Amino acid sequence: MVEELVVAGAVAGSAAAVYVAAASRVVKQYERGVVLRLGKLQHGVRGPGFTMIVPFVDRLRKVNMQIVTMPVPAQDGITRDNVTVRVDAVIYFKVVDAAEAVVQVEDYRFAVSQMAQTSLRSIIGKSDLDDLLSNREKLNQGLELMIDSPAIGWGVQIDRVEIKDVSLPETMKRSMARQAEADRERRARVINADAELQASKKLAEAAHEMAEEPAALQLRLLQTVVAVAAEKNSTLVLPFPVELLRFLERAQQALPQPQPQPQPQPQAQPQPAPPEQQSRSKTGQD
């Protein structure tokens, strides 16, 4: 009798151990458990820790509640200004309702991925090239709203969407490079012209001051000599003031000019008679 009780107790203990082993589940801290009993959703999501289910009757689905980083494959599209581009992005989302993520959608990861690709193509077609290159923050917000609207019914919340890269054709890159170069050259010319204008105004003011104080020009000349001599040059070039040249010119004009002396006229030499007259005179003498 005692042996039968011992055997029965051992069998019951073994059965209890098998039942506990089959019914015990462990839910991690970043997971939530959704129980389906005979295919029907049970109210109440199982929290992290140890939990029990009915073996062969209940089915526990664990849902990851962490933020998921999912790359969106590069999508080819044509912008509103008819430029072919290739854009890829990355999406950050998390599950906020584990029961909805299990019941409402078959595979919430695949659904979010497909919705992100479709929304990215739509954003490309509605935007200009300049918006894709410079106004990405606004496009990211619009893309996030487009994906988040249907994802709310799936128990998924879109945390952030970022456009990673915009690939352009080589011809468009060369055109943009030429445009940027032309713009920089234009700005350089404008800055140079502005600098010339400011310099001319300052030089005009300096010339006006030097005209009122002639000694300022001499001081400026001495400063130039000191600046040149500081370079330890073997040859020193001294500029000659223009005012000194003008002074010498005025002084030369003030001196009396010498009168030119009349030159003597050369006396006329008698010209010899022609040979016929000479022969006639000789015959007359004879």
C-alpha atoms as a PDB file:
ATOM      1  CA  MET A   1       0.000   0.000   0.000  1.00  0.00           C
ATOM      2  CA  VAL A   2       2.760   2.396   0.914  1.00  0.00           C
ATOM      3  CA  GLU A   3       4.649   1.541  -2.245  1.00  0.00           C
ATOM      4  CA  GLU A   4       1.556   2.268  -4.337  1.00  0.00           C
ATOM      5  CA  LEU A   5       1.187   5.655  -2.631  1.00  0.00           C
ATOM      6  CA  VAL A   6       4.828   6.428  -3.245  1.00  0.00           C
ATOM      7  CA  VAL A   7       4.535   5.459  -6.891  1.00  0.00           C
ATOM      8  CA  ALA A   8       1.356   7.511  -7.279  1.00  0.00           C
ATOM      9  CA  GLY A   9       3.016  10.482  -5.617  1.00  0.00           C
ATOM     10  CA  ALA A  10       6.029  10.160  -7.910  1.00  0.00           C
ATOM     11  CA  VAL A  11       3.797   9.943 -10.962  1.00  0.00           C
ATOM     12  CA  ALA A  12       1.807  12.983  -9.813  1.00  0.00           C
ATOM     13  CA  GLY A  13       4.977  14.894  -9.137  1.00  0.00           C
ATOM     14  CA  SER A  14       6.359  14.005 -12.521  1.00  0.00           C
ATOM     15  CA  ALA A  15       3.135  15.029 -14.195  1.00  0.00           C
ATOM     16  CA  ALA A  16       3.135  18.318 -12.289  1.00  0.00           C
ATOM     17  CA  ALA A  17       6.731  18.937 -13.282  1.00  0.00           C
ATOM     18  CA  VAL A  18       5.957  18.223 -16.926  1.00  0.00           C
ATOM     19  CA  TYR A  19       2.910  20.499 -16.725  1.00  0.00           C
ATOM     20  CA  VAL A  20       4.896  23.320 -15.169  1.00  0.00           C
ATOM     21  CA  ALA A  21       7.657  22.903 -17.717  1.00  0.00           C
ATOM     22  CA  ALA A  22       5.145  22.987 -20.551  1.00  0.00           C
ATOM     23  CA  ALA A  23       3.179  25.907 -19.128  1.00  0.00           C
ATOM     24  CA  SER A  24       5.976  28.129 -17.894  1.00  0.00           C
ATOM     25  CA  ARG A  25       7.108  31.041 -20.020  1.00  0.00           C
ATOM     26  CA  VAL A  26       9.571  33.869 -19.441  1.00  0.00           C
ATOM     27  CA  VAL A  27       8.898  37.293 -20.903  1.00  0.00           C
ATOM     28  CA  LYS A  28      11.905  39.614 -21.122  1.00  0.00           C
ATOM     29  CA  GLN A  29      11.916  43.171 -19.878  1.00  0.00           C
ATOM     30  CA  TYR A  30      11.644  44.693 -23.370  1.00  0.00           C
ATOM     31  CA  GLU A  31       8.880  42.262 -24.463  1.00  0.00           C
ATOM     32  CA  ARG A  32       5.174  41.849 -23.889  1.00  0.00           C
ATOM     33  CA  GLY A  33       3.237  38.589 -24.131  1.00  0.00           C
ATOM     34  CA  VAL A  34      -0.058  38.229 -25.996  1.00  0.00           C
ATOM     35  CA  VAL A  35      -2.034  35.069 -25.161  1.00  0.00           C
ATOM     36  CA  LEU A  36      -4.349  33.433 -27.707  1.00  0.00           C
ATOM     37  CA  ARG A  37      -6.563  30.751 -26.103  1.00  0.00           C
ATOM     38  CA  LEU A  38      -7.960  28.466 -28.739  1.00  0.00           C
ATOM     39  CA  GLY A  39      -7.382  31.259 -31.241  1.00  0.00           C
ATOM     40  CA  LYS A  40      -9.163  33.887 -29.148  1.00  0.00           C
ATOM     41  CA  LEU A  41      -7.324  36.898 -27.783  1.00  0.00           C
ATOM     42  CA  GLN A  42      -7.177  36.951 -24.015  1.00  0.00           C
ATOM     43  CA  HIS A  43      -7.553  40.301 -22.330  1.00  0.00           C
ATOM     44  CA  GLY A  44      -4.533  41.544 -20.540  1.00  0.00           C
ATOM     45  CA  VAL A  45      -1.039  41.551 -21.975  1.00  0.00           C
ATOM     46  CA  ARG A  46       1.502  39.576 -19.998  1.00  0.00           C
ATOM     47  CA  GLY A  47       4.246  41.721 -18.565  1.00  0.00           C
ATOM     48  CA  PRO A  48       7.945  40.902 -18.203  1.00  0.00           C
ATOM     49  CA  GLY A  49       8.925  38.056 -15.914  1.00  0.00           C
ATOM     50  CA  PHE A  50       7.699  34.537 -15.282  1.00  0.00           C
ATOM     51  CA  THR A  51       4.190  33.635 -16.489  1.00  0.00           C
ATOM     52  CA  MET A  52       2.070  30.517 -16.934  1.00  0.00           C
ATOM     53  CA  ILE A  53      -0.198  29.426 -19.781  1.00  0.00           C
ATOM     54  CA  VAL A  54      -2.374  26.405 -20.393  1.00  0.00           C
ATOM     55  CA  PRO A  55      -0.365  23.892 -22.399  1.00  0.00           C
ATOM     56  CA  PHE A  56      -1.767  22.842 -25.762  1.00  0.00           C
ATOM     57  CA  VAL A  57      -4.571  25.383 -25.321  1.00  0.00           C
ATOM     58  CA  ASP A  58      -2.903  28.757 -25.043  1.00  0.00           C
ATOM     59  CA  ARG A  59      -0.384  30.232 -27.436  1.00  0.00           C
ATOM     60  CA  LEU A  60       1.908  32.997 -26.239  1.00  0.00           C
ATOM     61  CA  ARG A  61       3.152  35.564 -28.786  1.00  0.00           C
ATOM     62  CA  LYS A  62       6.033  37.720 -27.629  1.00  0.00           C
ATOM     63  CA  VAL A  63       6.203  41.214 -29.103  1.00  0.00           C
ATOM     64  CA  ASN A  64       9.359  43.315 -28.971  1.00  0.00           C
ATOM     65  CA  MET A  65       8.644  46.780 -27.595  1.00  0.00           C
ATOM     66  CA  GLN A  66      12.064  48.264 -28.407  1.00  0.00           C
ATOM     67  CA  ILE A  67      12.606  50.952 -31.009  1.00  0.00           C
ATOM     68  CA  VAL A  68      13.297  49.256 -34.329  1.00  0.00           C
ATOM     69  CA  THR A  69      15.688  50.805 -36.845  1.00  0.00           C
ATOM     70  CA  MET A  70      14.705  49.793 -40.351  1.00  0.00           C
ATOM     71  CA  PRO A  71      16.460  50.978 -43.523  1.00  0.00           C
ATOM     72  CA  VAL A  72      14.188  51.880 -46.397  1.00  0.00           C
ATOM     73  CA  PRO A  73      15.560  50.591 -49.725  1.00  0.00           C
ATOM     74  CA  ALA A  74      16.593  53.238 -52.236  1.00  0.00           C
ATOM     75  CA  GLN A  75      13.708  54.336 -54.422  1.00  0.00           C
ATOM     76  CA  ASP A  76      14.011  55.750 -57.942  1.00  0.00           C
ATOM     77  CA  GLY A  77      11.671  58.582 -58.790  1.00  0.00           C
ATOM     78  CA  ILE A  78      11.162  61.770 -60.757  1.00  0.00           C
ATOM     79  CA  THR A  79      10.805  65.022 -58.880  1.00  0.00           C
ATOM     80  CA  ARG A  80       8.235  67.681 -59.618  1.00  0.00           C
ATOM     81  CA  ASP A  81      10.780  69.584 -61.735  1.00  0.00           C
ATOM     82  CA  ASN A  82      11.501  66.446 -63.840  1.00  0.00           C
ATOM     83  CA  VAL A  83      14.817  65.349 -62.347  1.00  0.00           C
ATOM     84  CA  THR A  84      15.540  61.640 -61.886  1.00  0.00           C
ATOM     85  CA  VAL A  85      16.832  60.924 -58.374  1.00  0.00           C
ATOM     86  CA  ARG A  86      17.480  57.924 -56.161  1.00  0.00           C
ATOM     87  CA  VAL A  87      16.585  58.400 -52.494  1.00  0.00           C
ATOM     88  CA  ASP A  88      16.995  56.107 -49.522  1.00  0.00           C
ATOM     89  CA  ALA A  89      15.896  56.656 -45.933  1.00  0.00           C
ATOM     90  CA  VAL A  90      15.795  55.099 -42.473  1.00  0.00           C
ATOM     91  CA  ILE A  91      12.758  54.751 -40.218  1.00  0.00           C
ATOM     92  CA  TYR A  92      12.571  54.405 -36.424  1.00  0.00           C
ATOM     93  CA  PHE A  93       9.392  52.919 -34.949  1.00  0.00           C
ATOM     94  CA  LYS A  94       8.183  50.937 -31.949  1.00  0.00           C
ATOM     95  CA  VAL A  95       5.141  48.896 -30.899  1.00  0.00           C
ATOM     96  CA  VAL A  96       2.915  50.674 -28.410  1.00  0.00           C
ATOM     97  CA  ASP A  97       0.061  48.133 -28.345  1.00  0.00           C
ATOM     98  CA  ALA A  98       1.211  44.514 -28.482  1.00  0.00           C
ATOM     99  CA  ALA A  99      -2.289  43.089 -28.925  1.00  0.00           C
ATOM    100  CA  GLU A 100      -3.063  45.323 -31.911  1.00  0.00           C
ATOM    101  CA  ALA A 101       0.302  44.506 -33.510  1.00  0.00           C
ATOM    102  CA  VAL A 102      -0.526  40.782 -33.310  1.00  0.00           C
ATOM    103  CA  VAL A 103      -4.185  40.907 -34.310  1.00  0.00           C
ATOM    104  CA  GLN A 104      -4.566  43.794 -36.748  1.00  0.00           C
ATOM    105  CA  VAL A 105      -1.655  43.064 -39.094  1.00  0.00           C
ATOM    106  CA  GLU A 106       0.008  39.833 -40.157  1.00  0.00           C
ATOM    107  CA  ASP A 107       3.595  41.138 -40.034  1.00  0.00           C
ATOM    108  CA  TYR A 108       3.886  44.669 -38.755  1.00  0.00           C
ATOM    109  CA  ARG A 109       7.570  44.967 -39.749  1.00  0.00           C
ATOM    110  CA  PHE A 110       6.863  44.090 -43.373  1.00  0.00           C
ATOM    111  CA  ALA A 111       3.818  46.368 -43.407  1.00  0.00           C
ATOM    112  CA  VAL A 112       5.793  49.334 -42.081  1.00  0.00           C
ATOM    113  CA  SER A 113       8.565  48.673 -44.618  1.00  0.00           C
ATOM    114  CA  GLN A 114       6.173  48.631 -47.561  1.00  0.00           C
ATOM    115  CA  MET A 115       4.353  51.727 -46.338  1.00  0.00           C
ATOM    116  CA  ALA A 116       7.676  53.552 -45.960  1.00  0.00           C
ATOM    117  CA  GLN A 117       8.730  52.724 -49.526  1.00  0.00           C
ATOM    118  CA  THR A 118       5.384  53.846 -50.948  1.00  0.00           C
ATOM    119  CA  SER A 119       5.423  57.075 -48.956  1.00  0.00           C
ATOM    120  CA  LEU A 120       8.993  57.797 -50.000  1.00  0.00           C
ATOM    121  CA  ARG A 121       8.072  57.484 -53.671  1.00  0.00           C
ATOM    122  CA  SER A 122       5.121  59.806 -53.125  1.00  0.00           C
ATOM    123  CA  ILE A 123       7.308  62.398 -51.386  1.00  0.00           C
ATOM    124  CA  ILE A 124       9.801  62.315 -54.262  1.00  0.00           C
ATOM    125  CA  GLY A 125       7.084  63.004 -56.825  1.00  0.00           C
ATOM    126  CA  LYS A 126       5.646  65.925 -54.836  1.00  0.00           C
ATOM    127  CA  SER A 127       8.945  67.678 -54.097  1.00  0.00           C
ATOM    128  CA  ASP A 128      11.426  69.729 -56.082  1.00  0.00           C
ATOM    129  CA  LEU A 129      15.097  68.901 -56.285  1.00  0.00           C
ATOM    130  CA  ASP A 130      16.040  71.903 -54.155  1.00  0.00           C
ATOM    131  CA  ASP A 131      13.682  70.703 -51.409  1.00  0.00           C
ATOM    132  CA  LEU A 132      15.254  67.239 -51.406  1.00  0.00           C
ATOM    133  CA  LEU A 133      18.727  68.740 -51.073  1.00  0.00           C
ATOM    134  CA  SER A 134      18.180  71.621 -48.666  1.00  0.00           C
ATOM    135  CA  ASN A 135      14.771  71.285 -46.982  1.00  0.00           C
ATOM    136  CA  ARG A 136      14.975  67.734 -45.682  1.00  0.00           C
ATOM    137  CA  GLU A 137      13.544  68.491 -42.243  1.00  0.00           C
ATOM    138  CA  LYS A 138      10.190  69.436 -43.713  1.00  0.00           C
ATOM    139  CA  LEU A 139      10.202  66.370 -45.968  1.00  0.00           C
ATOM    140  CA  ASN A 140      11.039  64.134 -43.015  1.00  0.00           C
ATOM    141  CA  GLN A 141       8.048  65.459 -41.110  1.00  0.00           C
ATOM    142  CA  GLY A 142       5.734  64.932 -44.082  1.00  0.00           C
ATOM    143  CA  LEU A 143       7.072  61.416 -44.601  1.00  0.00           C
ATOM    144  CA  GLU A 144       6.574  60.632 -40.913  1.00  0.00           C
ATOM    145  CA  LEU A 145       2.944  61.755 -41.042  1.00  0.00           C
ATOM    146  CA  MET A 146       2.257  59.690 -44.159  1.00  0.00           C
ATOM    147  CA  ILE A 147       3.599  56.516 -42.541  1.00  0.00           C
ATOM    148  CA  ASP A 148       2.205  57.148 -39.068  1.00  0.00           C
ATOM    149  CA  SER A 149      -1.411  57.584 -40.206  1.00  0.00           C
ATOM    150  CA  PRO A 150      -2.061  53.909 -41.129  1.00  0.00           C
ATOM    151  CA  ALA A 151       0.426  52.579 -38.578  1.00  0.00           C
ATOM    152  CA  ILE A 152      -1.647  53.855 -35.657  1.00  0.00           C
ATOM    153  CA  GLY A 153      -4.261  51.153 -36.308  1.00  0.00           C
ATOM    154  CA  TRP A 154      -1.541  48.504 -36.206  1.00  0.00           C
ATOM    155  CA  GLY A 155      -0.404  49.421 -32.689  1.00  0.00           C
ATOM    156  CA  VAL A 156       2.820  50.883 -34.103  1.00  0.00           C
ATOM    157  CA  GLN A 157       4.127  54.389 -33.496  1.00  0.00           C
ATOM    158  CA  ILE A 158       6.562  56.008 -35.934  1.00  0.00           C
ATOM    159  CA  ASP A 159       9.257  57.698 -33.892  1.00  0.00           C
ATOM    160  CA  ARG A 160      11.328  59.329 -36.635  1.00  0.00           C
ATOM    161  CA  VAL A 161      11.999  59.174 -40.374  1.00  0.00           C
ATOM    162  CA  GLU A 162      15.222  60.471 -41.937  1.00  0.00           C
ATOM    163  CA  ILE A 163      16.222  60.767 -45.581  1.00  0.00           C
ATOM    164  CA  LYS A 164      19.761  59.433 -45.752  1.00  0.00           C
ATOM    165  CA  ASP A 165      21.050  60.144 -49.221  1.00  0.00           C
ATOM    166  CA  VAL A 166      19.923  61.653 -52.513  1.00  0.00           C
ATOM    167  CA  SER A 167      21.771  60.313 -55.548  1.00  0.00           C
ATOM    168  CA  LEU A 168      21.795  62.470 -58.679  1.00  0.00           C
ATOM    169  CA  PRO A 169      22.807  61.672 -62.274  1.00  0.00           C
ATOM    170  CA  GLU A 170      26.344  62.639 -63.280  1.00  0.00           C
ATOM    171  CA  THR A 171      25.104  65.236 -65.761  1.00  0.00           C
ATOM    172  CA  MET A 172      23.078  66.938 -63.046  1.00  0.00           C
ATOM    173  CA  LYS A 173      26.069  66.919 -60.704  1.00  0.00           C
ATOM    174  CA  ARG A 174      28.215  68.632 -63.330  1.00  0.00           C
ATOM    175  CA  SER A 175      25.499  71.202 -63.997  1.00  0.00           C
ATOM    176  CA  MET A 176      25.157  71.962 -60.298  1.00  0.00           C
ATOM    177  CA  ALA A 177      28.940  72.240 -59.978  1.00  0.00           C
ATOM    178  CA  ARG A 178      29.050  74.772 -62.817  1.00  0.00           C
ATOM    179  CA  GLN A 179      26.188  76.699 -61.255  1.00  0.00           C
ATOM    180  CA  ALA A 180      27.931  76.797 -57.875  1.00  0.00           C
ATOM    181  CA  GLU A 181      31.191  77.888 -59.508  1.00  0.00           C
ATOM    182  CA  ALA A 182      29.444  80.684 -61.399  1.00  0.00           C
ATOM    183  CA  ASP A 183      27.696  81.855 -58.247  1.00  0.00           C
ATOM    184  CA  ARG A 184      30.956  81.920 -56.303  1.00  0.00           C
ATOM    185  CA  GLU A 185      32.663  83.832 -59.096  1.00  0.00           C
ATOM    186  CA  ARG A 186      29.813  86.351 -59.117  1.00  0.00           C
ATOM    187  CA  ARG A 187      30.096  86.871 -55.384  1.00  0.00           C
ATOM    188  CA  ALA A 188      33.868  87.204 -55.649  1.00  0.00           C
ATOM    189  CA  ARG A 189      33.500  89.914 -58.293  1.00  0.00           C
ATOM    190  CA  VAL A 190      30.933  91.781 -56.232  1.00  0.00           C
ATOM    191  CA  ILE A 191      33.149  91.633 -53.156  1.00  0.00           C
ATOM    192  CA  ASN A 192      36.156  92.791 -55.169  1.00  0.00           C
ATOM    193  CA  ALA A 193      34.203  95.700 -56.652  1.00  0.00           C
ATOM    194  CA  ASP A 194      32.947  96.679 -53.210  1.00  0.00           C
ATOM    195  CA  ALA A 195      36.496  96.569 -51.877  1.00  0.00           C
ATOM    196  CA  GLU A 196      37.692  98.769 -54.744  1.00  0.00           C
ATOM    197  CA  LEU A 197      34.917 101.271 -54.015  1.00  0.00           C
ATOM    198  CA  GLN A 198      35.775 101.454 -50.337  1.00  0.00           C
ATOM    199  CA  ALA A 199      39.482 101.726 -51.102  1.00  0.00           C
ATOM    200  CA  SER A 200      38.885 104.537 -53.586  1.00  0.00           C
ATOM    201  CA  LYS A 201      36.863 106.454 -50.997  1.00  0.00           C
ATOM    202  CA  LYS A 202      39.593 106.057 -48.397  1.00  0.00           C
ATOM    203  CA  LEU A 203      42.273 107.071 -50.897  1.00  0.00           C
ATOM    204  CA  ALA A 204      40.254 110.141 -51.839  1.00  0.00           C
ATOM    205  CA  GLU A 205      39.999 111.120 -48.175  1.00  0.00           C
ATOM    206  CA  ALA A 206      43.751 110.560 -47.739  1.00  0.00           C
ATOM    207  CA  ALA A 207      44.535 112.673 -50.796  1.00  0.00           C
ATOM    208  CA  HIS A 208      42.314 115.452 -49.475  1.00  0.00           C
ATOM    209  CA  GLU A 209      44.119 115.422 -46.128  1.00  0.00           C
ATOM    210  CA  MET A 210      47.558 115.399 -47.785  1.00  0.00           C
ATOM    211  CA  ALA A 211      46.529 118.315 -50.011  1.00  0.00           C
ATOM    212  CA  GLU A 212      45.733 120.384 -46.937  1.00  0.00           C
ATOM    213  CA  GLU A 213      48.944 119.353 -45.162  1.00  0.00           C
ATOM    214  CA  PRO A 214      51.893 119.027 -47.591  1.00  0.00           C
ATOM    215  CA  ALA A 215      54.126 117.680 -44.823  1.00  0.00           C
ATOM    216  CA  ALA A 216      51.922 114.599 -44.603  1.00  0.00           C
ATOM    217  CA  LEU A 217      53.163 113.488 -48.009  1.00  0.00           C
ATOM    218  CA  GLN A 218      56.764 113.721 -46.822  1.00  0.00           C
ATOM    219  CA  LEU A 219      55.920 111.708 -43.693  1.00  0.00           C
ATOM    220  CA  ARG A 220      54.234 109.099 -45.833  1.00  0.00           C
ATOM    221  CA  LEU A 221      57.352 108.934 -47.983  1.00  0.00           C
ATOM    222  CA  LEU A 222      59.519 108.331 -44.926  1.00  0.00           C
ATOM    223  CA  GLN A 223      57.158 105.571 -43.737  1.00  0.00           C
ATOM    224  CA  THR A 224      57.437 103.892 -47.126  1.00  0.00           C
ATOM    225  CA  VAL A 225      61.238 104.032 -46.951  1.00  0.00           C
ATOM    226  CA  VAL A 226      61.193 102.478 -43.462  1.00  0.00           C
ATOM    227  CA  ALA A 227      58.838  99.723 -44.620  1.00  0.00           C
ATOM    228  CA  VAL A 228      61.040  98.899 -47.607  1.00  0.00           C
ATOM    229  CA  ALA A 229      64.247  99.004 -45.544  1.00  0.00           C
ATOM    230  CA  ALA A 230      62.770  96.504 -43.047  1.00  0.00           C
ATOM    231  CA  GLU A 231      62.898  93.774 -45.690  1.00  0.00           C
ATOM    232  CA  LYS A 232      66.731  93.934 -45.719  1.00  0.00           C
ATOM    233  CA  ASN A 233      66.851  94.552 -49.432  1.00  0.00           C
ATOM    234  CA  SER A 234      70.127  95.405 -51.137  1.00  0.00           C
ATOM    235  CA  THR A 235      68.354  97.846 -53.435  1.00  0.00           C
ATOM    236  CA  LEU A 236      66.282 100.706 -52.071  1.00  0.00           C
ATOM    237  CA  VAL A 237      63.878 102.453 -54.422  1.00  0.00           C
ATOM    238  CA  LEU A 238      62.887 105.981 -53.415  1.00  0.00           C
ATOM    239  CA  PRO A 239      59.705 107.341 -54.962  1.00  0.00           C
ATOM    240  CA  PHE A 240      60.007 110.871 -56.345  1.00  0.00           C
ATOM    241  CA  PRO A 241      57.131 113.161 -55.356  1.00  0.00           C
ATOM    242  CA  VAL A 242      55.093 114.515 -58.226  1.00  0.00           C
ATOM    243  CA  GLU A 243      54.667 117.828 -56.404  1.00  0.00           C
ATOM    244  CA  LEU A 244      58.435 118.399 -56.574  1.00  0.00           C
ATOM    245  CA  LEU A 245      58.382 117.826 -60.320  1.00  0.00           C
ATOM    246  CA  ARG A 246      55.577 120.326 -60.682  1.00  0.00           C
ATOM    247  CA  PHE A 247      57.510 122.846 -58.557  1.00  0.00           C
ATOM    248  CA  LEU A 248      60.566 122.487 -60.783  1.00  0.00           C
ATOM    249  CA  GLU A 249      58.411 122.875 -63.864  1.00  0.00           C
ATOM    250  CA  ARG A 250      56.847 126.059 -62.541  1.00  0.00           C
ATOM    251  CA  ALA A 251      60.259 127.410 -61.592  1.00  0.00           C
ATOM    252  CA  GLN A 252      61.590 126.722 -65.074  1.00  0.00           C
ATOM    253  CA  GLN A 253      58.637 128.511 -66.625  1.00  0.00           C
ATOM    254  CA  ALA A 254      59.259 131.538 -64.396  1.00  0.00           C
ATOM    255  CA  LEU A 255      62.879 132.012 -65.667  1.00  0.00           C
ATOM    256  CA  PRO A 256      63.367 134.431 -68.643  1.00  0.00           C
ATOM    257  CA  GLN A 257      63.750 132.632 -71.919  1.00  0.00           C
ATOM    258  CA  PRO A 258      66.945 133.601 -73.992  1.00  0.00           C
ATOM    259  CA  GLN A 259      66.300 135.369 -77.314  1.00  0.00           C
ATOM    260  CA  PRO A 260      67.611 133.552 -80.394  1.00  0.00           C
ATOM    261  CA  GLN A 261      70.610 135.296 -82.132  1.00  0.00           C
ATOM    262  CA  PRO A 262      70.191 136.192 -85.834  1.00  0.00           C
ATOM    263  CA  GLN A 263      72.488 134.136 -87.952  1.00  0.00           C
ATOM    264  CA  PRO A 264      74.494 135.830 -90.846  1.00  0.00           C
ATOM    265  CA  GLN A 265      73.251 135.228 -94.312  1.00  0.00           C
ATOM    266  CA  PRO A 266      75.798 133.503 -96.613  1.00  0.00           C
ATOM    267  CA  GLN A 267      77.126 135.689 -99.526  1.00  0.00           C
ATOM    268  CA  ALA A 268      76.156 134.730-103.000  1.00  0.00           C
ATOM    269  CA  GLN A 269      79.058 133.287-104.964  1.00  0.00           C
ATOM    270  CA  PRO A 270      79.441 134.281-108.643  1.00  0.00           C
ATOM    271  CA  GLN A 271      78.438 131.465-110.819  1.00  0.00           C
ATOM    272  CA  PRO A 272      80.764 130.519-113.716  1.00  0.00           C
ATOM    273  CA  ALA A 273      79.621 131.319-117.221  1.00  0.00           C
ATOM    274  CA  PRO A 274      78.502 128.528-119.399  1.00  0.00           C
ATOM    275  CA  PRO A 275      81.147 127.050-121.761  1.00  0.00           C
ATOM    276  CA  GLU A 276      79.632 128.674-124.936  1.00  0.00           C
ATOM    277  CA  GLN A 277      79.897 132.186-123.476  1.00  0.00           C
ATOM    278  CA  GLN A 278      83.468 131.493-122.384  1.00  0.00           C
ATOM    279  CA  SER A 279      84.392 130.424-125.948  1.00  0.00           C
ATOM    280  CA  ARG A 280      82.701 133.498-127.398  1.00  0.00           C
ATOM    281  CA  SER A 281      84.571 135.831-125.067  1.00  0.00           C
ATOM    282  CA  LYS A 282      87.869 134.249-126.060  1.00  0.00           C
ATOM    283  CA  THR A 283      87.135 134.719-129.755  1.00  0.00           C
ATOM    284  CA  GLY A 284      86.213 138.367-129.177  1.00  0.00           C
ATOM    285  CA  GLN A 285      89.441 138.984-127.418  1.00  0.00           C
ATOM    286  CA  ASP A 286      91.298 137.463-130.312  1.00  0.00           C
END
